[in-house]
Amino acid sequence: MIRAFIDASVLFAASYSKTGASREIIRYALQGKAILIISEFVLDEAERNLSLKHPATLPVFHFLTQTIPFEIIEPTVQEVQDAKSYTAHKDAPVVAAAKKARPGFLVSLDRRHLVDQPEVARRSGLKIVLPEDLLEELRRVVKE
């Protein structure tokens, strides 16, 4: 089974839109076909951004976070500090938690700081992908 750490942008998109790869990933998790991993930092960031930008979607966010059996991983202060040496400071808590979780994927919509940063992937040991990339992998694995 695929284990994937999702960042706040994916949780935001899944809460905001009924369609798209982020919501489909959530559906796979709800069906027990994927294990999604998050941290409290991810939950807080997604909720804060939804509150500021799309408060009407908060009930969907709360439903998803109460329904999905997320695996929750918390990095240590030292793990976050280590991640700051090779990633944007704002993303260090996410990268540190994902690295600690040892997932198959770190899924993000943040191309600028995560997806399109090969140095972050190399130094963290993470495969950092867009939601549509994970969705393609989930569809392939579920068919097998």
Protein backbone atom coordinates (compact mmCIF):
# COMPACT_ATOMS: atom_id res chain seq x y z
CA MET A 1 0.00 0.00 0.00
CA ILE A 2 1.23 3.48 -0.82
CA ARG A 3 2.11 5.74 2.10
CA ALA A 4 2.30 9.43 1.25
CA PHE A 5 2.95 12.52 3.32
CA ILE A 6 0.69 15.33 2.14
CA ASP A 7 1.44 18.96 2.80
CA ALA A 8 -1.03 21.73 3.61
CA SER A 9 -1.47 22.75 -0.03
CA VAL A 10 -2.90 19.32 -0.86
CA LEU A 11 -5.24 19.35 2.14
CA PHE A 12 -6.28 22.91 1.23
CA ALA A 13 -7.02 21.93 -2.39
CA ALA A 14 -8.92 18.79 -1.35
CA SER A 15 -11.08 20.87 1.00
CA TYR A 16 -11.65 23.67 -1.49
CA SER A 17 -12.42 21.70 -4.66
CA LYS A 18 -14.67 18.68 -5.21
CA THR A 19 -12.59 17.72 -8.24
CA GLY A 20 -8.91 17.38 -8.94
CA ALA A 21 -6.07 15.11 -7.95
CA SER A 22 -5.92 16.29 -4.33
CA ARG A 23 -9.54 15.30 -3.71
CA GLU A 24 -9.03 11.98 -5.52
CA ILE A 25 -6.08 11.16 -3.26
CA ILE A 26 -8.36 11.79 -0.28
CA ARG A 27 -10.93 9.39 -1.79
CA TYR A 28 -8.30 6.67 -2.07
CA ALA A 29 -7.45 7.16 1.61
CA LEU A 30 -11.12 7.03 2.60
CA GLN A 31 -11.44 3.73 0.72
CA GLY A 32 -8.43 2.33 2.57
CA LYS A 33 -6.33 2.21 -0.60
CA ALA A 34 -3.67 4.68 0.57
CA ILE A 35 -2.17 5.77 3.86
CA LEU A 36 -1.88 9.52 4.21
CA ILE A 37 0.53 11.06 6.66
CA ILE A 38 0.44 14.59 8.05
CA SER A 39 1.71 16.59 10.99
CA GLU A 40 0.01 19.05 13.32
CA PHE A 41 1.91 21.78 11.46
CA VAL A 42 0.24 20.71 8.20
CA LEU A 43 -3.20 20.65 9.82
CA ASP A 44 -2.71 24.09 11.35
CA GLU A 45 -1.37 25.63 8.14
CA ALA A 46 -4.19 24.24 6.00
CA GLU A 47 -6.86 25.37 8.47
CA ARG A 48 -5.30 28.83 8.83
CA ASN A 49 -5.10 29.33 5.05
CA LEU A 50 -8.66 28.11 4.50
CA SER A 51 -9.90 30.42 7.28
CA LEU A 52 -8.26 33.40 5.60
CA LYS A 53 -8.98 32.62 1.96
CA HIS A 54 -12.07 30.37 1.83
CA PRO A 55 -13.77 30.16 5.24
CA ALA A 56 -16.89 28.58 3.74
CA THR A 57 -14.85 25.43 3.09
CA LEU A 58 -13.93 24.87 6.75
CA PRO A 59 -16.78 22.37 7.31
CA VAL A 60 -15.38 20.22 4.48
CA PHE A 61 -11.88 20.50 5.95
CA HIS A 62 -13.14 19.46 9.39
CA PHE A 63 -15.09 16.55 7.92
CA LEU A 64 -12.02 15.32 6.03
CA THR A 65 -9.68 15.66 8.98
CA GLN A 66 -12.10 13.84 11.28
CA THR A 67 -12.87 11.07 8.78
CA ILE A 68 -9.54 10.19 7.22
CA PRO A 69 -7.40 7.87 9.34
CA PHE A 70 -4.28 10.03 9.00
CA GLU A 71 -0.99 8.84 10.39
CA ILE A 72 0.36 11.82 12.34
CA ILE A 73 4.11 12.32 12.61
CA GLU A 74 5.83 15.07 14.60
CA PRO A 75 9.43 16.03 13.93
CA THR A 76 11.77 17.06 16.70
CA VAL A 77 13.15 20.59 16.93
CA GLN A 78 16.51 19.23 15.80
CA GLU A 79 14.97 17.51 12.75
CA VAL A 80 13.34 20.81 11.73
CA GLN A 81 16.65 22.65 12.24
CA ASP A 82 18.43 20.10 10.06
CA ALA A 83 15.83 20.52 7.30
CA LYS A 84 16.33 24.29 7.34
CA SER A 85 19.84 23.74 6.02
CA TYR A 86 18.48 22.63 2.63
CA THR A 87 14.89 23.85 2.31
CA ALA A 88 12.92 27.07 2.73
CA HIS A 89 12.49 27.81 6.42
CA LYS A 90 8.69 27.85 6.08
CA ASP A 91 8.78 24.33 4.64
CA ALA A 92 11.33 22.84 7.03
CA PRO A 93 8.67 21.49 9.46
CA VAL A 94 6.94 19.72 6.56
CA VAL A 95 10.12 18.26 5.10
CA ALA A 96 11.34 17.18 8.54
CA ALA A 97 8.06 15.43 9.35
CA ALA A 98 7.93 13.77 5.94
CA LYS A 99 11.53 12.59 6.24
CA LYS A 100 10.79 11.14 9.68
CA ALA A 101 7.68 9.34 8.34
CA ARG A 102 9.64 7.61 5.57
CA PRO A 103 6.77 7.67 3.08
CA GLY A 104 6.92 6.62 -0.53
CA PHE A 105 6.11 10.21 -1.49
CA LEU A 106 5.91 13.78 -0.23
CA VAL A 107 2.98 15.31 -2.09
CA SER A 108 2.76 19.06 -2.58
CA LEU A 109 1.45 21.74 -4.89
CA ASP A 110 4.40 23.97 -3.97
CA ARG A 111 6.53 23.75 -7.08
CA ARG A 112 8.73 26.70 -6.17
CA HIS A 113 9.98 25.44 -2.82
CA LEU A 114 9.46 21.68 -2.94
CA VAL A 115 8.46 19.90 -6.15
CA ASP A 116 10.91 21.66 -8.47
CA GLN A 117 13.78 21.63 -5.97
CA PRO A 118 15.96 18.57 -6.68
CA GLU A 119 18.34 19.55 -3.87
CA VAL A 120 15.52 19.22 -1.30
CA ALA A 121 14.62 15.80 -2.66
CA ARG A 122 18.24 14.67 -2.74
CA ARG A 123 19.15 15.84 0.75
CA SER A 124 15.92 14.66 2.37
CA GLY A 125 15.80 11.35 0.52
CA LEU A 126 12.16 12.07 -0.37
CA LYS A 127 10.40 11.58 -3.67
CA ILE A 128 8.57 14.92 -3.95
CA VAL A 129 5.66 14.91 -6.39
CA LEU A 130 2.54 16.77 -7.42
CA PRO A 131 -0.86 15.32 -6.51
CA GLU A 132 -1.48 14.21 -10.09
CA ASP A 133 1.76 12.18 -10.01
CA LEU A 134 0.70 10.36 -6.85
CA LEU A 135 -2.78 9.83 -8.27
CA GLU A 136 -1.29 8.19 -11.35
CA GLU A 137 0.76 5.88 -9.11
CA LEU A 138 -2.28 5.06 -6.94
CA ARG A 139 -4.33 4.15 -10.01
CA ARG A 140 -1.53 1.92 -11.29
CA VAL A 141 -1.05 0.13 -7.95
CA VAL A 142 -4.78 -0.36 -7.30
CA LYS A 143 -5.20 -1.98 -10.75
CA GLU A 144 -2.49 -4.56 -10.00
